Protein backbone atom coordinates (compact mmCIF):
# COMPACT_ATOMS: atom_id res chain seq x y z
CA MET A 1 2.40 -2.89 -36.40
CA HIS A 2 4.98 -2.79 -33.60
CA ARG A 3 4.42 -1.47 -30.12
CA ARG A 4 7.01 0.46 -28.17
CA ASP A 5 8.29 -2.75 -26.56
CA GLY A 6 9.10 -4.13 -30.00
CA ILE A 7 6.36 -6.74 -29.93
CA SER A 8 4.24 -6.89 -33.01
CA SER A 9 0.50 -6.68 -32.63
CA ASP A 10 0.09 -8.44 -35.98
CA PRO A 11 -0.66 -12.12 -35.28
CA ASP A 12 0.85 -13.18 -38.61
CA SER A 13 4.19 -11.57 -37.77
CA ARG A 14 4.72 -13.65 -34.63
CA THR A 15 6.46 -16.41 -36.55
CA GLN A 16 8.40 -14.30 -39.03
CA GLY A 17 12.11 -14.93 -38.71
CA GLN A 18 11.58 -17.87 -36.39
CA GLU A 19 11.18 -20.60 -38.96
CA SER A 20 14.88 -21.34 -38.58
CA VAL A 21 14.43 -22.25 -34.91
CA GLN A 22 13.85 -25.98 -34.89
CA ASP A 23 12.04 -27.91 -32.18
CA ASP A 24 15.08 -29.98 -31.26
CA ARG A 25 17.30 -26.91 -30.92
CA CYS A 26 14.93 -24.84 -28.80
CA ASP A 27 15.49 -25.10 -25.06
CA GLN A 28 12.43 -23.08 -23.97
CA TRP A 29 8.92 -22.42 -25.26
CA ALA A 30 6.78 -19.34 -24.68
CA LEU A 31 3.01 -19.27 -24.32
CA TRP A 32 1.56 -15.96 -25.49
CA ARG A 33 -1.89 -14.42 -25.23
CA GLN A 34 -3.23 -11.95 -27.73
CA ASP A 35 -6.17 -9.86 -26.56
CA ASP A 36 -9.08 -8.35 -28.47
CA ASN A 37 -6.99 -5.25 -29.27
CA GLY A 38 -4.17 -7.29 -30.81
CA LEU A 39 -1.81 -6.74 -27.89
CA LYS A 40 0.49 -9.67 -27.13
CA PHE A 41 1.42 -10.75 -23.59
CA LEU A 42 3.79 -13.41 -22.35
CA VAL A 43 1.87 -15.89 -20.19
CA CYS A 44 4.63 -18.34 -19.27
CA ILE A 45 7.81 -20.05 -20.42
CA ARG A 46 8.11 -23.83 -20.33
CA LYS A 47 10.97 -26.24 -20.90
CA THR A 48 9.22 -28.25 -23.60
CA ARG A 49 6.75 -27.44 -26.34
CA GLN A 50 4.42 -30.10 -24.96
CA GLU A 51 4.30 -28.41 -21.54
CA ALA A 52 3.55 -25.04 -23.14
CA GLU A 53 0.82 -26.54 -25.31
CA GLU A 54 -0.75 -28.21 -22.26
CA GLU A 55 -0.91 -24.79 -20.55
CA GLN A 56 -2.45 -23.37 -23.73
CA LYS A 57 -5.16 -26.04 -23.80
CA ALA A 58 -5.96 -25.47 -20.13
CA LEU A 59 -6.45 -21.74 -20.74
CA GLU A 60 -8.50 -22.30 -23.89
CA ARG A 61 -10.93 -24.47 -21.91
CA HIS A 62 -12.06 -21.26 -20.16
CA HIS A 63 -13.47 -20.03 -23.51
CA HIS A 64 -11.90 -16.58 -23.34
CA LYS A 65 -11.94 -14.57 -26.54
CA GLN A 66 -8.18 -14.15 -26.48
CA LEU A 67 -5.92 -16.08 -28.80
CA TYR A 68 -3.23 -18.26 -27.18
CA PHE A 69 -0.23 -19.54 -29.10
CA VAL A 70 3.10 -21.24 -28.46
CA GLU A 71 6.40 -20.39 -30.11
CA PRO A 72 10.09 -20.87 -29.40
CA PHE A 73 11.32 -18.51 -26.70
CA VAL A 74 14.11 -16.43 -28.13
CA ARG A 75 16.04 -14.20 -25.76
């Protein structure tokens, strides 16, 4: 399902079409949060995947119910 802003609320669709983006070719990484209603929100953009994953781990330590995930940031 897509919202008006074009962002899918389906967690499995977040990586569709992005398999071709390789780690070494990506210059920015996005950390996203998905809430209990399936809505997806951009949390931050980091230069490296490692930095984005560190932010993700820090947020997950708060034990919120939301899902956090990292993916290549595509403009």
